C-alpha atoms as a PDB file:
ATOM      1  CA  UNK A   1     142.470  82.632 118.574  1.00  0.00           C
ATOM      2  CA  UNK A   2     143.027  80.435 115.060  1.00  0.00           C
ATOM      3  CA  UNK A   3     144.528  81.746 111.771  1.00  0.00           C
ATOM      4  CA  UNK A   4     140.799  80.251 110.307  1.00  0.00           C
ATOM      5  CA  UNK A   5     138.579  82.448 113.345  1.00  0.00           C
ATOM      6  CA  UNK A   6     140.894  85.593 112.660  1.00  0.00           C
ATOM      7  CA  UNK A   7     140.459  85.633 108.573  1.00  0.00           C
ATOM      8  CA  UNK A   8     136.427  85.225 109.372  1.00  0.00           C
ATOM      9  CA  UNK A   9     137.150  88.239 111.671  1.00  0.00           C
ATOM     10  CA  UNK A  10     138.624  90.165 109.032  1.00  0.00           C
ATOM     11  CA  UNK A  11     136.076  89.440 106.478  1.00  0.00           C
ATOM     12  CA  UNK A  12     133.069  90.749 108.306  1.00  0.00           C
ATOM     13  CA  UNK A  13     135.297  94.100 108.071  1.00  0.00           C
ATOM     14  CA  UNK A  14     133.876  96.751 105.652  1.00  0.00           C
ATOM     15  CA  UNK A  15     134.723  99.984 105.154  1.00  0.00           C
ATOM     16  CA  UNK A  16     132.263 103.046 107.175  1.00  0.00           C
ATOM     17  CA  UNK A  17     133.843 105.891 105.471  1.00  0.00           C
ATOM     18  CA  UNK A  18     136.807 106.833 104.014  1.00  0.00           C
ATOM     19  CA  UNK A  19     138.080 110.358 105.390  1.00  0.00           C
ATOM     20  CA  UNK A  20     141.316 112.898 103.993  1.00  0.00           C
ATOM     21  CA  UNK A  21     143.226 112.738 106.856  1.00  0.00           C
ATOM     22  CA  UNK A  22     143.815 110.723 110.049  1.00  0.00           C
ATOM     23  CA  UNK A  23     142.805 113.127 112.561  1.00  0.00           C
ATOM     24  CA  UNK A  24     138.764 113.469 110.839  1.00  0.00           C
ATOM     25  CA  UNK A  25     139.486 109.455 110.737  1.00  0.00           C
ATOM     26  CA  UNK A  26     140.195 109.407 114.482  1.00  0.00           C
ATOM     27  CA  UNK A  27     137.612 111.729 115.579  1.00  0.00           C
ATOM     28  CA  UNK A  28     134.858 109.318 114.259  1.00  0.00           C
ATOM     29  CA  UNK A  29     136.774 106.617 115.356  1.00  0.00           C
ATOM     30  CA  UNK A  30     136.489 108.431 119.030  1.00  0.00           C
ATOM     31  CA  UNK A  31     132.759 108.821 118.997  1.00  0.00           C
ATOM     32  CA  UNK A  32     132.330 105.260 117.909  1.00  0.00           C
ATOM     33  CA  UNK A  33     134.708 103.995 120.139  1.00  0.00           C
ATOM     34  CA  UNK A  34     132.259 106.068 123.139  1.00  0.00           C
ATOM     35  CA  UNK A  35     129.335 104.166 121.829  1.00  0.00           C
ATOM     36  CA  UNK A  36     131.225 100.161 122.146  1.00  0.00           C
ATOM     37  CA  UNK A  37     131.602 100.217 118.419  1.00  0.00           C
ATOM     38  CA  UNK A  38     134.428  98.476 117.588  1.00  0.00           C
ATOM     39  CA  UNK A  39     136.367 100.323 114.583  1.00  0.00           C
ATOM     40  CA  UNK A  40     139.685 100.178 113.301  1.00  0.00           C
ATOM     41  CA  UNK A  41     141.905 102.679 111.602  1.00  0.00           C
ATOM     42  CA  UNK A  42     143.671 101.980 108.104  1.00  0.00           C
ATOM     43  CA  UNK A  43     145.992 104.180 106.580  1.00  0.00           C
ATOM     44  CA  UNK A  44     148.724 103.749 104.192  1.00  0.00           C
ATOM     45  CA  UNK A  45     150.918 106.337 105.514  1.00  0.00           C
ATOM     46  CA  UNK A  46     154.124 104.525 106.575  1.00  0.00           C
ATOM     47  CA  UNK A  47     153.375 103.489 109.919  1.00  0.00           C
ATOM     48  CA  UNK A  48     153.012 107.254 110.652  1.00  0.00           C
ATOM     49  CA  UNK A  49     156.115 108.348 108.630  1.00  0.00           C
ATOM     50  CA  UNK A  50     154.562 109.646 105.989  1.00  0.00           C
ATOM     51  CA  UNK A  51     151.026 110.961 106.027  1.00  0.00           C
ATOM     52  CA  UNK A  52     150.881 112.520 103.119  1.00  0.00           C
ATOM     53  CA  UNK A  53     150.860 109.239 101.746  1.00  0.00           C
ATOM     54  CA  UNK A  54     147.293 109.116 102.979  1.00  0.00           C
ATOM     55  CA  UNK A  55     146.143 111.424 100.939  1.00  0.00           C
ATOM     56  CA  UNK A  56     146.363 109.129  97.620  1.00  0.00           C
ATOM     57  CA  UNK A  57     144.204 106.688  98.755  1.00  0.00           C
ATOM     58  CA  UNK A  58     142.980 108.544 102.257  1.00  0.00           C
ATOM     59  CA  UNK A  59     142.548 106.787 105.670  1.00  0.00           C
ATOM     60  CA  UNK A  60     140.130 104.449 106.009  1.00  0.00           C
ATOM     61  CA  UNK A  61     137.501 103.388 109.303  1.00  0.00           C
ATOM     62  CA  UNK A  62     136.505 100.013 109.042  1.00  0.00           C
ATOM     63  CA  UNK A  63     133.828  98.491 111.581  1.00  0.00           C
ATOM     64  CA  UNK A  64     132.462  94.814 111.461  1.00  0.00           C
ATOM     65  CA  UNK A  65     129.252  94.283 109.249  1.00  0.00           C
ATOM     66  CA  UNK A  66     126.890  93.664 112.419  1.00  0.00           C
ATOM     67  CA  UNK A  67     127.703  97.204 113.568  1.00  0.00           C
ATOM     68  CA  UNK A  68     127.524  98.481 110.365  1.00  0.00           C
ATOM     69  CA  UNK A  69     124.170 100.544 110.577  1.00  0.00           C
ATOM     70  CA  UNK A  70     124.308 101.862 113.528  1.00  0.00           C
ATOM     71  CA  UNK A  71     127.914 103.172 113.472  1.00  0.00           C
ATOM     72  CA  UNK A  72     126.338 105.155 110.075  1.00  0.00           C
ATOM     73  CA  UNK A  73     123.304 106.177 111.918  1.00  0.00           C
ATOM     74  CA  UNK A  74     125.318 107.623 114.909  1.00  0.00           C
ATOM     75  CA  UNK A  75     128.062 109.398 111.975  1.00  0.00           C
ATOM     76  CA  UNK A  76     125.022 110.908 110.147  1.00  0.00           C
ATOM     77  CA  UNK A  77     126.100 112.832 107.058  1.00  0.00           C
ATOM     78  CA  UNK A  78     128.488 115.108 109.494  1.00  0.00           C
ATOM     79  CA  UNK A  79     131.417 112.865 108.051  1.00  0.00           C
ATOM     80  CA  UNK A  80     130.286 112.442 104.971  1.00  0.00           C
END
């Protein structure tokens, strides 16, 4: 993969939802992964060493733009 390809892939990521903690984000991630939707959990928590840091900005669940609508439907309002 070239740098340009990686940059385009990153630009195609959108935040599906922001969660209060990693456990909630990981639960939603598992559901979407089981439906073949690639997901990424993004959290500023010092690599898991200080989970309290995530409270400031939350924990983001990202998906590719092409999967956004399908992911929203799968999660429904359960995680909003």
